[in-house]
């Protein structure tokens, strides 16, 4: 029989972790749903919608990934700080 060490707690689902998960899932959903952007118009500086839509998601996905990282990191700091007091 193996026991869990007393200093490890099971993962807790918190609102900030849910928001972080949504930030990470949003680009996947937006880009895997190809039929929503598989068209030529509207064009942006001569580039068909299909291409510029995907390129627009690059900085958006980076910002969402950073947001998720910041949320989880803030929660971890609060958890460690709260346990020490």
PDB file of N, CA and C in Angstrom:
ATOM      1  N   UNK A   1       0.830  -1.158   0.000  1.00  0.00           N
ATOM      2  CA  UNK A   1       0.000   0.000   0.000  1.00  0.00           C
ATOM      3  C   UNK A   1       0.894   1.246   0.000  1.00  0.00           C
ATOM      4  N   UNK A   2       0.632   2.162  -0.935  1.00  0.00           N
ATOM      5  CA  UNK A   2       1.401   3.397  -0.984  1.00  0.00           C
ATOM      6  C   UNK A   2       0.545   4.544  -0.472  1.00  0.00           C
ATOM      7  N   UNK A   3       1.148   5.360   0.337  1.00  0.00           N
ATOM      8  CA  UNK A   3       0.432   6.509   0.899  1.00  0.00           C
ATOM      9  C   UNK A   3       0.960   7.779   0.248  1.00  0.00           C
ATOM     10  N   UNK A   4       0.091   8.757   0.136  1.00  0.00           N
ATOM     11  CA  UNK A   4       0.486  10.054  -0.383  1.00  0.00           C
ATOM     12  C   UNK A   4       1.255  10.799   0.699  1.00  0.00           C
ATOM     13  N   UNK A   5       2.392  11.398   0.343  1.00  0.00           N
ATOM     14  CA  UNK A   5       3.120  12.169   1.360  1.00  0.00           C
ATOM     15  C   UNK A   5       2.231  13.276   1.926  1.00  0.00           C
ATOM     16  N   UNK A   6       2.357  13.561   3.215  1.00  0.00           N
ATOM     17  CA  UNK A   6       1.453  14.533   3.841  1.00  0.00           C
ATOM     18  C   UNK A   6       1.619  15.970   3.332  1.00  0.00           C
ATOM     19  N   UNK A   7       2.778  16.310   2.752  1.00  0.00           N
ATOM     20  CA  UNK A   7       2.989  17.690   2.312  1.00  0.00           C
ATOM     21  C   UNK A   7       2.453  17.972   0.909  1.00  0.00           C
ATOM     22  N   UNK A   8       1.970  16.968   0.204  1.00  0.00           N
ATOM     23  CA  UNK A   8       1.409  17.192  -1.134  1.00  0.00           C
ATOM     24  C   UNK A   8      -0.104  17.161  -1.054  1.00  0.00           C
ATOM     25  N   UNK A   9      -0.715  18.158  -1.647  1.00  0.00           N
ATOM     26  CA  UNK A   9      -2.175  18.253  -1.650  1.00  0.00           C
ATOM     27  C   UNK A   9      -2.685  17.963  -3.058  1.00  0.00           C
ATOM     28  N   UNK A  10      -3.888  17.449  -3.164  1.00  0.00           N
ATOM     29  CA  UNK A  10      -4.446  17.223  -4.495  1.00  0.00           C
ATOM     30  C   UNK A  10      -4.645  18.554  -5.216  1.00  0.00           C
ATOM     31  N   UNK A  11      -4.601  18.546  -6.551  1.00  0.00           N
ATOM     32  CA  UNK A  11      -4.803  19.800  -7.284  1.00  0.00           C
ATOM     33  C   UNK A  11      -6.185  20.381  -7.012  1.00  0.00           C
ATOM     34  N   UNK A  12      -6.218  21.688  -6.876  1.00  0.00           N
ATOM     35  CA  UNK A  12      -7.454  22.390  -6.571  1.00  0.00           C
ATOM     36  C   UNK A  12      -7.874  23.190  -7.796  1.00  0.00           C
ATOM     37  N   UNK A  13      -9.134  23.070  -8.167  1.00  0.00           N
ATOM     38  CA  UNK A  13      -9.658  23.840  -9.293  1.00  0.00           C
ATOM     39  C   UNK A  13     -10.148  25.173  -8.745  1.00  0.00           C
ATOM     40  N   UNK A  14      -9.498  26.240  -9.184  1.00  0.00           N
ATOM     41  CA  UNK A  14      -9.855  27.583  -8.737  1.00  0.00           C
ATOM     42  C   UNK A  14     -10.315  28.405  -9.934  1.00  0.00           C
ATOM     43  N   UNK A  15     -10.996  29.506  -9.699  1.00  0.00           N
ATOM     44  CA  UNK A  15     -11.441  30.344 -10.821  1.00  0.00           C
ATOM     45  C   UNK A  15     -10.288  30.827 -11.705  1.00  0.00           C
ATOM     46  N   UNK A  16      -9.148  31.136 -11.099  1.00  0.00           N
ATOM     47  CA  UNK A  16      -8.033  31.601 -11.928  1.00  0.00           C
ATOM     48  C   UNK A  16      -7.491  30.481 -12.810  1.00  0.00           C
ATOM     49  N   UNK A  17      -7.533  29.252 -12.346  1.00  0.00           N
ATOM     50  CA  UNK A  17      -7.092  28.125 -13.186  1.00  0.00           C
ATOM     51  C   UNK A  17      -8.083  27.849 -14.312  1.00  0.00           C
ATOM     52  N   UNK A  18      -9.358  28.054 -14.051  1.00  0.00           N
ATOM     53  CA  UNK A  18     -10.370  27.888 -15.098  1.00  0.00           C
ATOM     54  C   UNK A  18     -10.176  28.952 -16.173  1.00  0.00           C
ATOM     55  N   UNK A  19      -9.927  30.192 -15.756  1.00  0.00           N
ATOM     56  CA  UNK A  19      -9.688  31.269 -16.716  1.00  0.00           C
ATOM     57  C   UNK A  19      -8.415  30.991 -17.504  1.00  0.00           C
ATOM     58  N   UNK A  20      -7.381  30.496 -16.831  1.00  0.00           N
ATOM     59  CA  UNK A  20      -6.133  30.156 -17.515  1.00  0.00           C
ATOM     60  C   UNK A  20      -6.365  29.052 -18.551  1.00  0.00           C
ATOM     61  N   UNK A  21      -7.162  28.068 -18.194  1.00  0.00           N
ATOM     62  CA  UNK A  21      -7.462  26.990 -19.145  1.00  0.00           C
ATOM     63  C   UNK A  21      -8.229  27.519 -20.347  1.00  0.00           C
ATOM     64  N   UNK A  22      -9.172  28.413 -20.117  1.00  0.00           N
ATOM     65  CA  UNK A  22      -9.920  29.005 -21.231  1.00  0.00           C
ATOM     66  C   UNK A  22      -8.999  29.828 -22.131  1.00  0.00           C
ATOM     67  N   UNK A  23      -8.044  30.522 -21.527  1.00  0.00           N
ATOM     68  CA  UNK A  23      -7.073  31.287 -22.326  1.00  0.00           C
ATOM     69  C   UNK A  23      -6.241  30.367 -23.220  1.00  0.00           C
ATOM     70  N   UNK A  24      -5.933  29.182 -22.745  1.00  0.00           N
ATOM     71  CA  UNK A  24      -5.131  28.251 -23.528  1.00  0.00           C
ATOM     72  C   UNK A  24      -5.953  27.499 -24.576  1.00  0.00           C
ATOM     73  N   UNK A  25      -7.226  27.299 -24.313  1.00  0.00           N
ATOM     74  CA  UNK A  25      -8.080  26.549 -25.239  1.00  0.00           C
ATOM     75  C   UNK A  25      -8.615  27.431 -26.370  1.00  0.00           C
ATOM     76  N   UNK A  26      -8.802  28.712 -26.121  1.00  0.00           N
ATOM     77  CA  UNK A  26      -9.403  29.614 -27.112  1.00  0.00           C
ATOM     78  C   UNK A  26      -8.707  29.600 -28.474  1.00  0.00           C
ATOM     79  N   UNK A  27      -7.373  29.710 -28.551  1.00  0.00           N
ATOM     80  CA  UNK A  27      -6.743  29.676 -29.875  1.00  0.00           C
ATOM     81  C   UNK A  27      -6.949  28.344 -30.605  1.00  0.00           C
ATOM     82  N   UNK A  28      -6.939  27.246 -29.868  1.00  0.00           N
ATOM     83  CA  UNK A  28      -7.155  25.947 -30.500  1.00  0.00           C
ATOM     84  C   UNK A  28      -8.542  25.857 -31.123  1.00  0.00           C
ATOM     85  N   UNK A  29      -9.533  26.267 -30.365  1.00  0.00           N
ATOM     86  CA  UNK A  29     -10.904  26.217 -30.872  1.00  0.00           C
ATOM     87  C   UNK A  29     -11.055  27.136 -32.077  1.00  0.00           C
ATOM     88  N   UNK A  30     -10.535  28.346 -31.968  1.00  0.00           N
ATOM     89  CA  UNK A  30     -10.676  29.323 -33.050  1.00  0.00           C
ATOM     90  C   UNK A  30      -9.991  28.866 -34.332  1.00  0.00           C
ATOM     91  N   UNK A  31      -8.848  28.205 -34.221  1.00  0.00           N
ATOM     92  CA  UNK A  31      -8.108  27.815 -35.415  1.00  0.00           C
ATOM     93  C   UNK A  31      -8.466  26.419 -35.923  1.00  0.00           C
ATOM     94  N   UNK A  32      -8.996  25.568 -35.073  1.00  0.00           N
ATOM     95  CA  UNK A  32      -9.403  24.244 -35.547  1.00  0.00           C
ATOM     96  C   UNK A  32     -10.786  24.252 -36.191  1.00  0.00           C
ATOM     97  N   UNK A  33     -11.558  25.287 -35.957  1.00  0.00           N
ATOM     98  CA  UNK A  33     -12.871  25.431 -36.582  1.00  0.00           C
ATOM     99  C   UNK A  33     -12.679  26.159 -37.916  1.00  0.00           C
ATOM    100  N   UNK A  34     -12.103  25.458 -38.875  1.00  0.00           N
ATOM    101  CA  UNK A  34     -11.671  26.047 -40.142  1.00  0.00           C
ATOM    102  C   UNK A  34     -12.834  26.591 -40.962  1.00  0.00           C
ATOM    103  N   UNK A  35     -13.965  25.962 -40.912  1.00  0.00           N
ATOM    104  CA  UNK A  35     -15.088  26.420 -41.732  1.00  0.00           C
ATOM    105  C   UNK A  35     -15.542  27.830 -41.350  1.00  0.00           C
ATOM    106  N   UNK A  36     -15.165  28.301 -40.163  1.00  0.00           N
ATOM    107  CA  UNK A  36     -15.555  29.652 -39.759  1.00  0.00           C
ATOM    108  C   UNK A  36     -14.731  30.737 -40.449  1.00  0.00           C
ATOM    109  N   UNK A  37     -13.560  30.379 -40.966  1.00  0.00           N
ATOM    110  CA  UNK A  37     -12.725  31.385 -41.625  1.00  0.00           C
ATOM    111  C   UNK A  37     -12.211  30.952 -42.992  1.00  0.00           C
ATOM    112  N   UNK A  38     -12.760  29.909 -43.550  1.00  0.00           N
ATOM    113  CA  UNK A  38     -12.328  29.425 -44.860  1.00  0.00           C
ATOM    114  C   UNK A  38     -13.027  30.211 -45.968  1.00  0.00           C
ATOM    115  N   UNK A  39     -12.591  31.449 -46.171  1.00  0.00           N
ATOM    116  CA  UNK A  39     -13.145  32.295 -47.226  1.00  0.00           C
ATOM    117  C   UNK A  39     -12.089  33.318 -47.632  1.00  0.00           C
ATOM    118  N   UNK A  40     -12.345  34.015 -48.704  1.00  0.00           N
ATOM    119  CA  UNK A  40     -11.376  34.971 -49.223  1.00  0.00           C
ATOM    120  C   UNK A  40     -11.612  36.405 -48.750  1.00  0.00           C
ATOM    121  N   UNK A  41     -12.859  36.734 -48.472  1.00  0.00           N
ATOM    122  CA  UNK A  41     -13.166  38.106 -48.084  1.00  0.00           C
ATOM    123  C   UNK A  41     -13.532  38.147 -46.612  1.00  0.00           C
ATOM    124  N   UNK A  42     -13.298  39.198 -45.908  1.00  0.00           N
ATOM    125  CA  UNK A  42     -12.732  40.474 -46.339  1.00  0.00           C
ATOM    126  C   UNK A  42     -11.207  40.394 -46.471  1.00  0.00           C
ATOM    127  N   UNK A  43     -10.690  41.119 -47.403  1.00  0.00           N
ATOM    128  CA  UNK A  43      -9.240  41.178 -47.610  1.00  0.00           C
ATOM    129  C   UNK A  43      -8.656  42.291 -46.753  1.00  0.00           C
ATOM    130  N   UNK A  44      -7.429  42.080 -46.327  1.00  0.00           N
ATOM    131  CA  UNK A  44      -6.712  43.079 -45.544  1.00  0.00           C
ATOM    132  C   UNK A  44      -5.383  43.332 -46.241  1.00  0.00           C
ATOM    133  N   UNK A  45      -5.197  44.517 -46.728  1.00  0.00           N
ATOM    134  CA  UNK A  45      -4.050  44.936 -47.550  1.00  0.00           C
ATOM    135  C   UNK A  45      -3.732  43.905 -48.647  1.00  0.00           C
ATOM    136  N   UNK A  46      -4.782  43.399 -49.258  1.00  0.00           N
ATOM    137  CA  UNK A  46      -4.648  42.457 -50.356  1.00  0.00           C
ATOM    138  C   UNK A  46      -4.489  40.999 -49.955  1.00  0.00           C
ATOM    139  N   UNK A  47      -4.464  40.716 -48.657  1.00  0.00           N
ATOM    140  CA  UNK A  47      -4.288  39.344 -48.175  1.00  0.00           C
ATOM    141  C   UNK A  47      -5.660  38.746 -47.895  1.00  0.00           C
ATOM    142  N   UNK A  48      -5.952  37.555 -48.457  1.00  0.00           N
ATOM    143  CA  UNK A  48      -7.252  36.925 -48.197  1.00  0.00           C
ATOM    144  C   UNK A  48      -7.477  36.653 -46.701  1.00  0.00           C
ATOM    145  N   UNK A  49      -8.739  36.687 -46.307  1.00  0.00           N
ATOM    146  CA  UNK A  49      -9.141  36.500 -44.913  1.00  0.00           C
ATOM    147  C   UNK A  49      -8.553  35.221 -44.317  1.00  0.00           C
ATOM    148  N   UNK A  50      -8.546  34.145 -45.084  1.00  0.00           N
ATOM    149  CA  UNK A  50      -8.059  32.855 -44.600  1.00  0.00           C
ATOM    150  C   UNK A  50      -6.651  32.979 -44.008  1.00  0.00           C
ATOM    151  N   UNK A  51      -5.800  33.739 -44.650  1.00  0.00           N
ATOM    152  CA  UNK A  51      -4.412  33.861 -44.197  1.00  0.00           C
ATOM    153  C   UNK A  51      -4.248  34.882 -43.077  1.00  0.00           C
ATOM    154  N   UNK A  52      -4.849  36.058 -43.222  1.00  0.00           N
ATOM    155  CA  UNK A  52      -4.606  37.063 -42.184  1.00  0.00           C
ATOM    156  C   UNK A  52      -5.308  36.721 -40.877  1.00  0.00           C
ATOM    157  N   UNK A  53      -6.388  35.964 -40.941  1.00  0.00           N
ATOM    158  CA  UNK A  53      -7.054  35.524 -39.710  1.00  0.00           C
ATOM    159  C   UNK A  53      -6.111  34.643 -38.886  1.00  0.00           C
ATOM    160  N   UNK A  54      -5.441  33.721 -39.552  1.00  0.00           N
ATOM    161  CA  UNK A  54      -4.507  32.841 -38.852  1.00  0.00           C
ATOM    162  C   UNK A  54      -3.319  33.612 -38.302  1.00  0.00           C
ATOM    163  N   UNK A  55      -2.808  34.548 -39.074  1.00  0.00           N
ATOM    164  CA  UNK A  55      -1.672  35.352 -38.617  1.00  0.00           C
ATOM    165  C   UNK A  55      -2.066  36.283 -37.465  1.00  0.00           C
ATOM    166  N   UNK A  56      -3.305  36.733 -37.466  1.00  0.00           N
ATOM    167  CA  UNK A  56      -3.770  37.596 -36.378  1.00  0.00           C
ATOM    168  C   UNK A  56      -3.795  36.844 -35.047  1.00  0.00           C
ATOM    169  N   UNK A  57      -3.983  35.536 -35.119  1.00  0.00           N
ATOM    170  CA  UNK A  57      -4.029  34.749 -33.896  1.00  0.00           C
ATOM    171  C   UNK A  57      -2.658  34.539 -33.265  1.00  0.00           C
ATOM    172  N   UNK A  58      -1.585  34.783 -33.965  1.00  0.00           N
ATOM    173  CA  UNK A  58      -0.248  34.576 -33.396  1.00  0.00           C
ATOM    174  C   UNK A  58      -0.019  35.495 -32.194  1.00  0.00           C
ATOM    175  N   UNK A  59      -0.153  36.822 -32.325  1.00  0.00           N
ATOM    176  CA  UNK A  59       0.042  37.654 -31.132  1.00  0.00           C
ATOM    177  C   UNK A  59      -1.071  37.477 -30.090  1.00  0.00           C
ATOM    178  N   UNK A  60      -2.274  37.178 -30.549  1.00  0.00           N
ATOM    179  CA  UNK A  60      -3.379  36.959 -29.609  1.00  0.00           C
ATOM    180  C   UNK A  60      -3.096  35.716 -28.759  1.00  0.00           C
ATOM    181  N   UNK A  61      -2.640  34.647 -29.399  1.00  0.00           N
ATOM    182  CA  UNK A  61      -2.323  33.419 -28.664  1.00  0.00           C
ATOM    183  C   UNK A  61      -1.158  33.646 -27.705  1.00  0.00           C
ATOM    184  N   UNK A  62      -0.175  34.432 -28.114  1.00  0.00           N
ATOM    185  CA  UNK A  62       0.946  34.746 -27.217  1.00  0.00           C
ATOM    186  C   UNK A  62       0.458  35.518 -25.993  1.00  0.00           C
ATOM    187  N   UNK A  63      -0.416  36.483 -26.203  1.00  0.00           N
ATOM    188  CA  UNK A  63      -0.950  37.265 -25.092  1.00  0.00           C
ATOM    189  C   UNK A  63      -1.798  36.392 -24.159  1.00  0.00           C
ATOM    190  N   UNK A  64      -2.593  35.507 -24.728  1.00  0.00           N
ATOM    191  CA  UNK A  64      -3.418  34.616 -23.907  1.00  0.00           C
ATOM    192  C   UNK A  64      -2.558  33.622 -23.120  1.00  0.00           C
ATOM    193  N   UNK A  65      -1.486  33.142 -23.737  1.00  0.00           N
ATOM    194  CA  UNK A  65      -0.585  32.228 -23.042  1.00  0.00           C
ATOM    195  C   UNK A  65       0.100  32.935 -21.880  1.00  0.00           C
ATOM    196  N   UNK A  66       0.536  34.162 -22.097  1.00  0.00           N
ATOM    197  CA  UNK A  66       1.155  34.928 -21.015  1.00  0.00           C
ATOM    198  C   UNK A  66       0.143  35.193 -19.894  1.00  0.00           C
ATOM    199  N   UNK A  67      -1.087  35.501 -20.259  1.00  0.00           N
ATOM    200  CA  UNK A  67      -2.127  35.736 -19.259  1.00  0.00           C
ATOM    201  C   UNK A  67      -2.344  34.487 -18.407  1.00  0.00           C
ATOM    202  N   UNK A  68      -2.416  33.326 -19.045  1.00  0.00           N
ATOM    203  CA  UNK A  68      -2.591  32.069 -18.317  1.00  0.00           C
ATOM    204  C   UNK A  68      -1.407  31.826 -17.385  1.00  0.00           C
ATOM    205  N   UNK A  69      -0.200  32.076 -17.875  1.00  0.00           N
ATOM    206  CA  UNK A  69       0.998  31.906 -17.056  1.00  0.00           C
ATOM    207  C   UNK A  69       0.961  32.826 -15.841  1.00  0.00           C
ATOM    208  N   UNK A  70       0.614  34.089 -16.060  1.00  0.00           N
ATOM    209  CA  UNK A  70       0.577  35.058 -14.969  1.00  0.00           C
ATOM    210  C   UNK A  70      -0.481  34.672 -13.928  1.00  0.00           C
ATOM    211  N   UNK A  71      -1.636  34.214 -14.369  1.00  0.00           N
ATOM    212  CA  UNK A  71      -2.688  33.808 -13.438  1.00  0.00           C
ATOM    213  C   UNK A  71      -2.254  32.634 -12.566  1.00  0.00           C
ATOM    214  N   UNK A  72      -1.665  31.630 -13.182  1.00  0.00           N
ATOM    215  CA  UNK A  72      -1.246  30.447 -12.429  1.00  0.00           C
ATOM    216  C   UNK A  72      -0.090  30.796 -11.498  1.00  0.00           C
ATOM    217  N   UNK A  73       0.830  31.599 -11.978  1.00  0.00           N
ATOM    218  CA  UNK A  73       1.972  31.987 -11.141  1.00  0.00           C
ATOM    219  C   UNK A  73       1.514  32.806  -9.932  1.00  0.00           C
ATOM    220  N   UNK A  74       0.586  33.733 -10.145  1.00  0.00           N
ATOM    221  CA  UNK A  74       0.056  34.532  -9.036  1.00  0.00           C
ATOM    222  C   UNK A  74      -0.628  33.639  -8.006  1.00  0.00           C
ATOM    223  N   UNK A  75      -1.380  32.662  -8.487  1.00  0.00           N
ATOM    224  CA  UNK A  75      -2.060  31.752  -7.562  1.00  0.00           C
ATOM    225  C   UNK A  75      -1.060  30.918  -6.771  1.00  0.00           C
ATOM    226  N   UNK A  76      -0.009  30.444  -7.444  1.00  0.00           N
ATOM    227  CA  UNK A  76       1.010  29.646  -6.750  1.00  0.00           C
ATOM    228  C   UNK A  76       1.727  30.475  -5.686  1.00  0.00           C
ATOM    229  N   UNK A  77       2.024  31.724  -6.004  1.00  0.00           N
ATOM    230  CA  UNK A  77       2.664  32.597  -5.010  1.00  0.00           C
ATOM    231  C   UNK A  77       1.744  32.816  -3.813  1.00  0.00           C
ATOM    232  N   UNK A  78       0.470  33.044  -4.075  1.00  0.00           N
ATOM    233  CA  UNK A  78      -0.490  33.253  -2.982  1.00  0.00           C
ATOM    234  C   UNK A  78      -0.626  32.003  -2.141  1.00  0.00           C
ATOM    235  N   UNK A  79      -0.628  30.861  -2.776  1.00  0.00           N
ATOM    236  CA  UNK A  79      -0.761  29.604  -2.033  1.00  0.00           C
ATOM    237  C   UNK A  79       0.461  29.371  -1.149  1.00  0.00           C
ATOM    238  N   UNK A  80       1.659  29.602  -1.680  1.00  0.00           N
ATOM    239  CA  UNK A  80       2.870  29.408  -0.883  1.00  0.00           C
ATOM    240  C   UNK A  80       2.961  30.435   0.235  1.00  0.00           C
ATOM    241  N   UNK A  81       2.571  31.674  -0.057  1.00  0.00           N
ATOM    242  CA  UNK A  81       2.597  32.724   0.965  1.00  0.00           C
ATOM    243  C   UNK A  81       1.583  32.484   2.061  1.00  0.00           C
ATOM    244  N   UNK A  82       0.417  31.989   1.683  1.00  0.00           N
ATOM    245  CA  UNK A  82      -0.644  31.728   2.657  1.00  0.00           C
ATOM    246  C   UNK A  82      -0.338  30.543   3.546  1.00  0.00           C
ATOM    247  N   UNK A  83       0.391  29.554   3.027  1.00  0.00           N
ATOM    248  CA  UNK A  83       0.714  28.377   3.813  1.00  0.00           C
ATOM    249  C   UNK A  83       1.806  28.669   4.836  1.00  0.00           C
ATOM    250  N   UNK A  84       2.665  29.643   4.549  1.00  0.00           N
ATOM    251  CA  UNK A  84       3.777  29.947   5.458  1.00  0.00           C
ATOM    252  C   UNK A  84       3.317  30.715   6.684  1.00  0.00           C
ATOM    253  N   UNK A  85       2.182  31.384   6.618  1.00  0.00           N
ATOM    254  CA  UNK A  85       1.727  32.210   7.744  1.00  0.00           C
ATOM    255  C   UNK A  85       0.985  31.398   8.773  1.00  0.00           C
TER     256      UNK A  85
END
